Amino acid sequence: MSSDNKKIQIIMEDLSYLARSFENAFSDSGVEAQVVDVSSASIHMAEEKIYAYIIFTGKQLLRNSVNLKVLVDMAIKAHIPLFAIGNAEELAMLWKIVPKHMVIASFVRPIKVLDIAKNIVAQLNVFYSSKRKTILCIDDSGVLLRKMKALLEDKYEVVLVNSGAMAIKFLTLRRPDLILLDYEMPIVNGAQVMQMIRGDNDFKDIPIVFLTGKNDLNTVQNIVSLKPEGYILKDTKPKALHETIDRYLLD
């Protein structure tokens, strides 16, 4: 990531010695960083080329949850990476305002400022150089979601949600290149989620591939009748899974 005309903004309400420490640490890594409050950040987004936001949690910032939520929604729509720093309690409160899966990485205090700056710059270099395609994975199983992320994140950006409602929320903010959708979810199943997605003109052409743990004739026929782009068995071997996803996204 070249630093030319590119700026990282650190969202911090309670200014302290850490503010200047972070600005200096990023400067040492060749990147301009600026500490701003959450209200100012929204204005800067429209006026400047912002390449990342670092949310530095604190009691005052967390109380300003409405403005923080607005900023995060704007950043997601603009595909601007988000990072978070705070103690364990503050981060737990932050995840009630900001969906955790929307944040590239979070760092628990106490921290080493220079190490964090180098880590974030390295992740941004990967983010902007790879221009990876995005997969939205929808499944009620946290185990399956983490498995899919571990298997696919080497090549793709993988966003995890555990319900149809969360999927629709994500789609209103950002458009993925492919949706992996659990067919057997409870309450609102995969077929119903697909119907909601296909019923919206803004989303209907996003490729959908079902994930299923069943391979019996009746299940396969039901899936095929919905006319998805395809389906993948959940026990598919990692190499075969990658090859299948690559066909959908790289052809």
C-alpha atoms as a PDB file:
ATOM      1  CA  MET A   1       0.000   0.000   0.000  1.00  0.00           C
ATOM      2  CA  SER A   2       1.595   3.230  -1.143  1.00  0.00           C
ATOM      3  CA  SER A   3       1.146   6.077   1.309  1.00  0.00           C
ATOM      4  CA  ASP A   4       0.619   8.665  -1.456  1.00  0.00           C
ATOM      5  CA  ASN A   5      -2.600  10.577  -0.668  1.00  0.00           C
ATOM      6  CA  LYS A   6      -3.818   7.658   1.447  1.00  0.00           C
ATOM      7  CA  LYS A   7      -4.749   8.106   5.064  1.00  0.00           C
ATOM      8  CA  ILE A   8      -5.650   5.938   8.030  1.00  0.00           C
ATOM      9  CA  GLN A   9      -8.044   7.506  10.496  1.00  0.00           C
ATOM     10  CA  ILE A  10      -8.024   6.490  14.144  1.00  0.00           C
ATOM     11  CA  ILE A  11     -11.426   7.015  15.756  1.00  0.00           C
ATOM     12  CA  MET A  12     -10.710   8.059  19.329  1.00  0.00           C
ATOM     13  CA  GLU A  13     -12.918  10.233  21.529  1.00  0.00           C
ATOM     14  CA  ASP A  14     -10.710  10.438  24.617  1.00  0.00           C
ATOM     15  CA  LEU A  15      -7.467  11.887  23.265  1.00  0.00           C
ATOM     16  CA  SER A  16      -4.369  10.813  25.163  1.00  0.00           C
ATOM     17  CA  TYR A  17      -0.682  10.170  24.679  1.00  0.00           C
ATOM     18  CA  LEU A  18      -1.698   7.097  22.673  1.00  0.00           C
ATOM     19  CA  ALA A  19      -3.115   9.335  19.943  1.00  0.00           C
ATOM     20  CA  ARG A  20       0.229  10.872  19.024  1.00  0.00           C
ATOM     21  CA  SER A  21       1.975   7.554  19.612  1.00  0.00           C
ATOM     22  CA  PHE A  22      -0.163   5.911  16.949  1.00  0.00           C
ATOM     23  CA  GLU A  23       0.279   8.766  14.500  1.00  0.00           C
ATOM     24  CA  ASN A  24       4.056   8.528  14.940  1.00  0.00           C
ATOM     25  CA  ALA A  25       4.056   4.725  14.706  1.00  0.00           C
ATOM     26  CA  PHE A  26       2.202   4.741  11.400  1.00  0.00           C
ATOM     27  CA  SER A  27       4.466   7.510  10.149  1.00  0.00           C
ATOM     28  CA  ASP A  28       7.452   5.259  10.895  1.00  0.00           C
ATOM     29  CA  SER A  29       5.763   2.620   8.699  1.00  0.00           C
ATOM     30  CA  GLY A  30       5.380   5.135   5.876  1.00  0.00           C
ATOM     31  CA  VAL A  31       1.651   5.744   6.254  1.00  0.00           C
ATOM     32  CA  GLU A  32      -0.134   8.936   7.280  1.00  0.00           C
ATOM     33  CA  ALA A  33      -2.483   8.503  10.229  1.00  0.00           C
ATOM     34  CA  GLN A  34      -4.799  11.002  11.846  1.00  0.00           C
ATOM     35  CA  VAL A  35      -6.690  10.819  15.131  1.00  0.00           C
ATOM     36  CA  VAL A  36     -10.251  12.171  14.827  1.00  0.00           C
ATOM     37  CA  ASP A  37     -13.520  11.903  16.703  1.00  0.00           C
ATOM     38  CA  VAL A  38     -16.343   9.885  15.189  1.00  0.00           C
ATOM     39  CA  SER A  39     -18.346  12.909  14.011  1.00  0.00           C
ATOM     40  CA  SER A  40     -15.388  14.400  12.140  1.00  0.00           C
ATOM     41  CA  ALA A  41     -14.582  11.039  10.545  1.00  0.00           C
ATOM     42  CA  SER A  42     -17.887  10.961   8.658  1.00  0.00           C
ATOM     43  CA  ILE A  43     -17.123  14.361   7.147  1.00  0.00           C
ATOM     44  CA  HIS A  44     -13.573  13.358   6.174  1.00  0.00           C
ATOM     45  CA  MET A  45     -14.855  10.269   4.355  1.00  0.00           C
ATOM     46  CA  ALA A  46     -16.595  12.428   1.768  1.00  0.00           C
ATOM     47  CA  GLU A  47     -13.607  14.745   1.367  1.00  0.00           C
ATOM     48  CA  GLU A  48     -10.537  12.512   1.523  1.00  0.00           C
ATOM     49  CA  LYS A  49      -9.267   9.121   0.404  1.00  0.00           C
ATOM     50  CA  ILE A  50      -9.489   7.083   3.608  1.00  0.00           C
ATOM     51  CA  TYR A  51      -7.820   3.665   3.411  1.00  0.00           C
ATOM     52  CA  ALA A  52      -8.722   2.298   6.823  1.00  0.00           C
ATOM     53  CA  TYR A  53     -10.477   3.120  10.066  1.00  0.00           C
ATOM     54  CA  ILE A  54      -9.182   2.041  13.443  1.00  0.00           C
ATOM     55  CA  ILE A  55     -11.855   2.156  16.125  1.00  0.00           C
ATOM     56  CA  PHE A  56     -10.108   2.845  19.440  1.00  0.00           C
ATOM     57  CA  THR A  57     -12.771   2.004  21.990  1.00  0.00           C
ATOM     58  CA  GLY A  58     -13.428   3.993  25.127  1.00  0.00           C
ATOM     59  CA  LYS A  59     -16.411   4.839  27.304  1.00  0.00           C
ATOM     60  CA  GLN A  60     -17.112   8.123  25.523  1.00  0.00           C
ATOM     61  CA  LEU A  61     -16.926   6.586  22.053  1.00  0.00           C
ATOM     62  CA  LEU A  62     -19.150   3.672  23.024  1.00  0.00           C
ATOM     63  CA  ARG A  63     -21.736   6.121  24.359  1.00  0.00           C
ATOM     64  CA  ASN A  64     -21.719   7.761  20.917  1.00  0.00           C
ATOM     65  CA  SER A  65     -23.073   4.556  19.396  1.00  0.00           C
ATOM     66  CA  VAL A  66     -25.413   6.180  16.843  1.00  0.00           C
ATOM     67  CA  ASN A  67     -22.642   8.139  15.108  1.00  0.00           C
ATOM     68  CA  LEU A  68     -20.311   5.149  15.329  1.00  0.00           C
ATOM     69  CA  LYS A  69     -22.892   2.901  13.658  1.00  0.00           C
ATOM     70  CA  VAL A  70     -23.419   5.463  10.874  1.00  0.00           C
ATOM     71  CA  LEU A  71     -19.673   5.662  10.263  1.00  0.00           C
ATOM     72  CA  VAL A  72     -19.289   1.882  10.154  1.00  0.00           C
ATOM     73  CA  ASP A  73     -22.177   1.512   7.689  1.00  0.00           C
ATOM     74  CA  MET A  74     -20.605   4.169   5.459  1.00  0.00           C
ATOM     75  CA  ALA A  75     -17.215   2.465   5.634  1.00  0.00           C
ATOM     76  CA  ILE A  76     -18.665  -0.923   4.711  1.00  0.00           C
ATOM     77  CA  LYS A  77     -20.481   0.546   1.709  1.00  0.00           C
ATOM     78  CA  ALA A  78     -17.239   2.213   0.586  1.00  0.00           C
ATOM     79  CA  HIS A  79     -15.258  -1.033   1.138  1.00  0.00           C
ATOM     80  CA  ILE A  80     -12.973   0.681   3.664  1.00  0.00           C
ATOM     81  CA  PRO A  81     -11.283  -1.810   6.031  1.00  0.00           C
ATOM     82  CA  LEU A  82     -12.078  -1.611   9.751  1.00  0.00           C
ATOM     83  CA  PHE A  83      -9.879  -2.478  12.732  1.00  0.00           C
ATOM     84  CA  ALA A  84     -10.619  -2.258  16.458  1.00  0.00           C
ATOM     85  CA  ILE A  85      -8.523  -1.761  19.584  1.00  0.00           C
ATOM     86  CA  GLY A  86      -9.683  -1.904  23.197  1.00  0.00           C
ATOM     87  CA  ASN A  87      -9.761  -3.931  26.370  1.00  0.00           C
ATOM     88  CA  ALA A  88     -11.838  -7.104  26.472  1.00  0.00           C
ATOM     89  CA  GLU A  89     -14.862  -5.437  28.098  1.00  0.00           C
ATOM     90  CA  GLU A  90     -14.874  -2.502  25.644  1.00  0.00           C
ATOM     91  CA  LEU A  91     -14.585  -4.782  22.628  1.00  0.00           C
ATOM     92  CA  ALA A  92     -17.486  -6.888  23.902  1.00  0.00           C
ATOM     93  CA  MET A  93     -19.573  -3.698  24.067  1.00  0.00           C
ATOM     94  CA  LEU A  94     -18.365  -2.665  20.605  1.00  0.00           C
ATOM     95  CA  TRP A  95     -19.617  -5.908  19.041  1.00  0.00           C
ATOM     96  CA  LYS A  96     -23.146  -4.932  20.131  1.00  0.00           C
ATOM     97  CA  ILE A  97     -22.817  -1.821  17.944  1.00  0.00           C
ATOM     98  CA  VAL A  98     -20.543  -3.030  15.157  1.00  0.00           C
ATOM     99  CA  PRO A  99     -20.896  -6.565  13.693  1.00  0.00           C
ATOM    100  CA  LYS A 100     -17.651  -8.320  14.636  1.00  0.00           C
ATOM    101  CA  HIS A 101     -17.423 -10.075  11.272  1.00  0.00           C
ATOM    102  CA  MET A 102     -17.175  -6.675   9.567  1.00  0.00           C
ATOM    103  CA  VAL A 103     -13.870  -5.941  11.317  1.00  0.00           C
ATOM    104  CA  ILE A 104     -10.693  -7.281   9.711  1.00  0.00           C
ATOM    105  CA  ALA A 105      -8.842  -7.614  13.023  1.00  0.00           C
ATOM    106  CA  SER A 106      -9.173  -6.552  16.650  1.00  0.00           C
ATOM    107  CA  PHE A 107      -6.422  -6.038  19.220  1.00  0.00           C
ATOM    108  CA  VAL A 108      -6.864  -6.430  22.971  1.00  0.00           C
ATOM    109  CA  ARG A 109      -5.091  -3.952  25.238  1.00  0.00           C
ATOM    110  CA  PRO A 110      -2.456  -3.753  26.621  1.00  0.00           C
ATOM    111  CA  ILE A 111      -0.742  -3.350  23.269  1.00  0.00           C
ATOM    112  CA  LYS A 112       2.577  -2.359  21.733  1.00  0.00           C
ATOM    113  CA  VAL A 113       1.770   0.601  19.512  1.00  0.00           C
ATOM    114  CA  LEU A 114       4.570   0.091  16.970  1.00  0.00           C
ATOM    115  CA  ASP A 115       3.788  -3.633  16.598  1.00  0.00           C
ATOM    116  CA  ILE A 116       0.080  -2.920  16.046  1.00  0.00           C
ATOM    117  CA  ALA A 117       0.856  -0.260  13.430  1.00  0.00           C
ATOM    118  CA  LYS A 118       3.142  -2.633  11.516  1.00  0.00           C
ATOM    119  CA  ASN A 119       0.540  -5.408  11.733  1.00  0.00           C
ATOM    120  CA  ILE A 120      -2.237  -3.189  10.373  1.00  0.00           C
ATOM    121  CA  VAL A 121      -0.083  -1.813   7.544  1.00  0.00           C
ATOM    122  CA  ALA A 122       0.840  -5.382   6.543  1.00  0.00           C
ATOM    123  CA  GLN A 123      -2.823  -6.432   6.502  1.00  0.00           C
ATOM    124  CA  LEU A 124      -3.750  -3.383   4.427  1.00  0.00           C
ATOM    125  CA  ASN A 125      -1.014  -4.201   1.915  1.00  0.00           C
ATOM    126  CA  VAL A 126      -2.586  -7.623   1.455  1.00  0.00           C
ATOM    127  CA  PHE A 127      -6.117  -6.210   1.357  1.00  0.00           C
ATOM    128  CA  TYR A 128      -5.422  -3.651  -1.357  1.00  0.00           C
ATOM    129  CA  SER A 129      -2.947  -5.641  -3.438  1.00  0.00           C
ATOM    130  CA  SER A 130      -4.984  -8.824  -3.678  1.00  0.00           C
ATOM    131  CA  LYS A 131      -8.359  -7.289  -4.557  1.00  0.00           C
ATOM    132  CA  ARG A 132      -9.895 -10.551  -3.471  1.00  0.00           C
ATOM    133  CA  LYS A 133     -13.439 -11.504  -4.336  1.00  0.00           C
ATOM    134  CA  THR A 134     -15.934 -11.731  -1.493  1.00  0.00           C
ATOM    135  CA  ILE A 135     -17.869 -14.803  -0.389  1.00  0.00           C
ATOM    136  CA  LEU A 136     -20.831 -14.421   1.977  1.00  0.00           C
ATOM    137  CA  CYS A 137     -21.235 -17.667   3.932  1.00  0.00           C
ATOM    138  CA  ILE A 138     -24.593 -18.187   5.667  1.00  0.00           C
ATOM    139  CA  ASP A 139     -24.943 -21.040   8.169  1.00  0.00           C
ATOM    140  CA  ASP A 140     -26.370 -21.450  11.665  1.00  0.00           C
ATOM    141  CA  SER A 141     -23.353 -23.540  12.694  1.00  0.00           C
ATOM    142  CA  GLY A 142     -20.426 -21.571  14.045  1.00  0.00           C
ATOM    143  CA  VAL A 143     -18.200 -24.606  13.539  1.00  0.00           C
ATOM    144  CA  LEU A 144     -19.071 -24.803   9.839  1.00  0.00           C
ATOM    145  CA  LEU A 145     -18.632 -21.055   9.373  1.00  0.00           C
ATOM    146  CA  ARG A 146     -15.165 -21.108  10.928  1.00  0.00           C
ATOM    147  CA  LYS A 147     -14.241 -24.133   8.822  1.00  0.00           C
ATOM    148  CA  MET A 148     -15.271 -22.387   5.604  1.00  0.00           C
ATOM    149  CA  LYS A 149     -13.348 -19.251   6.529  1.00  0.00           C
ATOM    150  CA  ALA A 150     -10.221 -21.252   7.371  1.00  0.00           C
ATOM    151  CA  LEU A 151     -10.406 -23.159   4.081  1.00  0.00           C
ATOM    152  CA  LEU A 152     -11.133 -20.218   1.779  1.00  0.00           C
ATOM    153  CA  GLU A 153      -9.600 -17.083   3.304  1.00  0.00           C
ATOM    154  CA  ASP A 154      -6.214 -17.725   1.691  1.00  0.00           C
ATOM    155  CA  LYS A 155      -7.709 -16.650  -1.650  1.00  0.00           C
ATOM    156  CA  TYR A 156     -11.026 -14.948  -0.886  1.00  0.00           C
ATOM    157  CA  GLU A 157     -12.492 -12.514   1.596  1.00  0.00           C
ATOM    158  CA  VAL A 158     -14.982 -14.623   3.559  1.00  0.00           C
ATOM    159  CA  VAL A 159     -17.776 -12.906   5.492  1.00  0.00           C
ATOM    160  CA  LEU A 160     -19.657 -15.041   8.024  1.00  0.00           C
ATOM    161  CA  VAL A 161     -23.278 -14.651   9.130  1.00  0.00           C
ATOM    162  CA  ASN A 162     -25.456 -17.117  11.027  1.00  0.00           C
ATOM    163  CA  SER A 163     -28.957 -16.240   9.827  1.00  0.00           C
ATOM    164  CA  GLY A 164     -30.946 -15.053   6.854  1.00  0.00           C
ATOM    165  CA  ALA A 165     -31.701 -11.755   8.612  1.00  0.00           C
ATOM    166  CA  MET A 166     -28.001 -11.032   9.075  1.00  0.00           C
ATOM    167  CA  ALA A 167     -27.388 -11.952   5.441  1.00  0.00           C
ATOM    168  CA  ILE A 168     -29.953  -9.445   4.189  1.00  0.00           C
ATOM    169  CA  LYS A 169     -28.454  -6.788   6.466  1.00  0.00           C
ATOM    170  CA  PHE A 170     -25.015  -7.427   4.976  1.00  0.00           C
ATOM    171  CA  LEU A 171     -26.362  -7.330   1.412  1.00  0.00           C
ATOM    172  CA  THR A 172     -27.835  -3.878   1.972  1.00  0.00           C
ATOM    173  CA  LEU A 173     -24.339  -2.668   2.849  1.00  0.00           C
ATOM    174  CA  ARG A 174     -22.134  -4.598   0.483  1.00  0.00           C
ATOM    175  CA  ARG A 175     -22.449  -6.883  -2.522  1.00  0.00           C
ATOM    176  CA  PRO A 176     -20.544 -10.202  -2.401  1.00  0.00           C
ATOM    177  CA  ASP A 177     -19.375 -12.090  -5.474  1.00  0.00           C
ATOM    178  CA  LEU A 178     -20.803 -15.412  -4.270  1.00  0.00           C
ATOM    179  CA  ILE A 179     -23.177 -16.626  -1.565  1.00  0.00           C
ATOM    180  CA  LEU A 180     -22.677 -19.984   0.161  1.00  0.00           C
ATOM    181  CA  LEU A 181     -26.018 -20.801   1.791  1.00  0.00           C
ATOM    182  CA  ASP A 182     -26.843 -23.580   4.242  1.00  0.00           C
ATOM    183  CA  TYR A 183     -29.828 -25.499   2.902  1.00  0.00           C
ATOM    184  CA  GLU A 184     -30.901 -27.046   6.235  1.00  0.00           C
ATOM    185  CA  MET A 185     -31.006 -23.993   8.547  1.00  0.00           C
ATOM    186  CA  PRO A 186     -33.735 -23.987  11.224  1.00  0.00           C
ATOM    187  CA  ILE A 187     -36.535 -21.378  11.541  1.00  0.00           C
ATOM    188  CA  VAL A 188     -35.803 -19.699   8.189  1.00  0.00           C
ATOM    189  CA  ASN A 189     -34.276 -22.361   5.960  1.00  0.00           C
ATOM    190  CA  GLY A 190     -31.988 -21.960   2.979  1.00  0.00           C
ATOM    191  CA  ALA A 191     -34.790 -22.122   0.430  1.00  0.00           C
ATOM    192  CA  GLN A 192     -36.611 -19.250   2.171  1.00  0.00           C
ATOM    193  CA  VAL A 193     -33.441 -17.154   2.396  1.00  0.00           C
ATOM    194  CA  MET A 194     -32.811 -17.742  -1.293  1.00  0.00           C
ATOM    195  CA  GLN A 195     -36.367 -16.653  -2.057  1.00  0.00           C
ATOM    196  CA  MET A 196     -35.804 -13.382  -0.165  1.00  0.00           C
ATOM    197  CA  ILE A 197     -32.556 -12.732  -2.017  1.00  0.00           C
ATOM    198  CA  ARG A 198     -33.962 -13.598  -5.434  1.00  0.00           C
ATOM    199  CA  GLY A 199     -37.006 -11.424  -4.723  1.00  0.00           C
ATOM    200  CA  ASP A 200     -34.903  -8.268  -4.539  1.00  0.00           C
ATOM    201  CA  ASN A 201     -33.817  -6.762  -7.849  1.00  0.00           C
ATOM    202  CA  ASP A 202     -30.566  -5.530  -6.297  1.00  0.00           C
ATOM    203  CA  PHE A 203     -29.519  -9.009  -5.174  1.00  0.00           C
ATOM    204  CA  LYS A 204     -31.216 -11.470  -7.525  1.00  0.00           C
ATOM    205  CA  ASP A 205     -28.234 -11.966  -9.833  1.00  0.00           C
ATOM    206  CA  ILE A 206     -25.717 -12.801  -7.080  1.00  0.00           C
ATOM    207  CA  PRO A 207     -24.669 -16.460  -7.554  1.00  0.00           C
ATOM    208  CA  ILE A 208     -25.953 -18.761  -4.792  1.00  0.00           C
ATOM    209  CA  VAL A 209     -24.438 -22.149  -3.999  1.00  0.00           C
ATOM    210  CA  PHE A 210     -26.130 -24.306  -1.375  1.00  0.00           C
ATOM    211  CA  LEU A 211     -24.224 -26.066   1.392  1.00  0.00           C
ATOM    212  CA  THR A 212     -25.780 -29.350   2.464  1.00  0.00           C
ATOM    213  CA  GLY A 213     -24.912 -32.227   4.727  1.00  0.00           C
ATOM    214  CA  LYS A 214     -27.260 -34.578   2.856  1.00  0.00           C
ATOM    215  CA  ASN A 215     -26.674 -36.336  -0.446  1.00  0.00           C
ATOM    216  CA  ASP A 216     -29.881 -38.375  -0.771  1.00  0.00           C
ATOM    217  CA  LEU A 217     -31.898 -38.201  -3.974  1.00  0.00           C
ATOM    218  CA  ASN A 218     -34.827 -36.289  -2.466  1.00  0.00           C
ATOM    219  CA  THR A 219     -32.595 -33.541  -0.995  1.00  0.00           C
ATOM    220  CA  VAL A 220     -30.625 -33.150  -4.218  1.00  0.00           C
ATOM    221  CA  GLN A 221     -33.815 -32.950  -6.304  1.00  0.00           C
ATOM    222  CA  ASN A 222     -35.255 -30.299  -3.966  1.00  0.00           C
ATOM    223  CA  ILE A 223     -32.077 -28.241  -4.162  1.00  0.00           C
ATOM    224  CA  VAL A 224     -31.810 -28.486  -7.944  1.00  0.00           C
ATOM    225  CA  SER A 225     -35.473 -27.474  -8.329  1.00  0.00           C
ATOM    226  CA  LEU A 226     -34.635 -24.117  -6.706  1.00  0.00           C
ATOM    227  CA  LYS A 227     -32.198 -23.422  -9.566  1.00  0.00           C
ATOM    228  CA  PRO A 228     -29.140 -22.288  -7.591  1.00  0.00           C
ATOM    229  CA  GLU A 229     -25.790 -22.063  -9.340  1.00  0.00           C
ATOM    230  CA  GLY A 230     -24.927 -25.331  -7.624  1.00  0.00           C
ATOM    231  CA  TYR A 231     -24.535 -27.148  -4.326  1.00  0.00           C
ATOM    232  CA  ILE A 232     -21.603 -28.374  -2.249  1.00  0.00           C
ATOM    233  CA  LEU A 233     -21.580 -31.155   0.321  1.00  0.00           C
ATOM    234  CA  LYS A 234     -20.348 -30.000   3.718  1.00  0.00           C
ATOM    235  CA  ASP A 235     -17.924 -32.916   3.955  1.00  0.00           C
ATOM    236  CA  THR A 236     -16.263 -32.048   0.632  1.00  0.00           C
ATOM    237  CA  LYS A 237     -12.489 -32.341   0.902  1.00  0.00           C
ATOM    238  CA  PRO A 238     -10.604 -29.007   1.118  1.00  0.00           C
ATOM    239  CA  LYS A 239      -8.924 -29.338  -2.287  1.00  0.00           C
ATOM    240  CA  ALA A 240     -12.181 -30.225  -4.034  1.00  0.00           C
ATOM    241  CA  LEU A 241     -13.971 -27.375  -2.209  1.00  0.00           C
ATOM    242  CA  HIS A 242     -11.382 -24.869  -3.419  1.00  0.00           C
ATOM    243  CA  GLU A 243     -11.581 -26.174  -6.971  1.00  0.00           C
ATOM    244  CA  THR A 244     -15.367 -25.872  -6.949  1.00  0.00           C
ATOM    245  CA  ILE A 245     -15.373 -22.325  -5.569  1.00  0.00           C
ATOM    246  CA  ASP A 246     -12.638 -21.334  -8.014  1.00  0.00           C
ATOM    247  CA  ARG A 247     -14.824 -22.481 -10.908  1.00  0.00           C
ATOM    248  CA  TYR A 248     -17.641 -20.191  -9.789  1.00  0.00           C
ATOM    249  CA  LEU A 249     -15.451 -17.159  -9.153  1.00  0.00           C
ATOM    250  CA  LEU A 250     -12.469 -17.413 -11.481  1.00  0.00           C
ATOM    251  CA  ASP A 251     -13.971 -18.707 -14.714  1.00  0.00           C
END
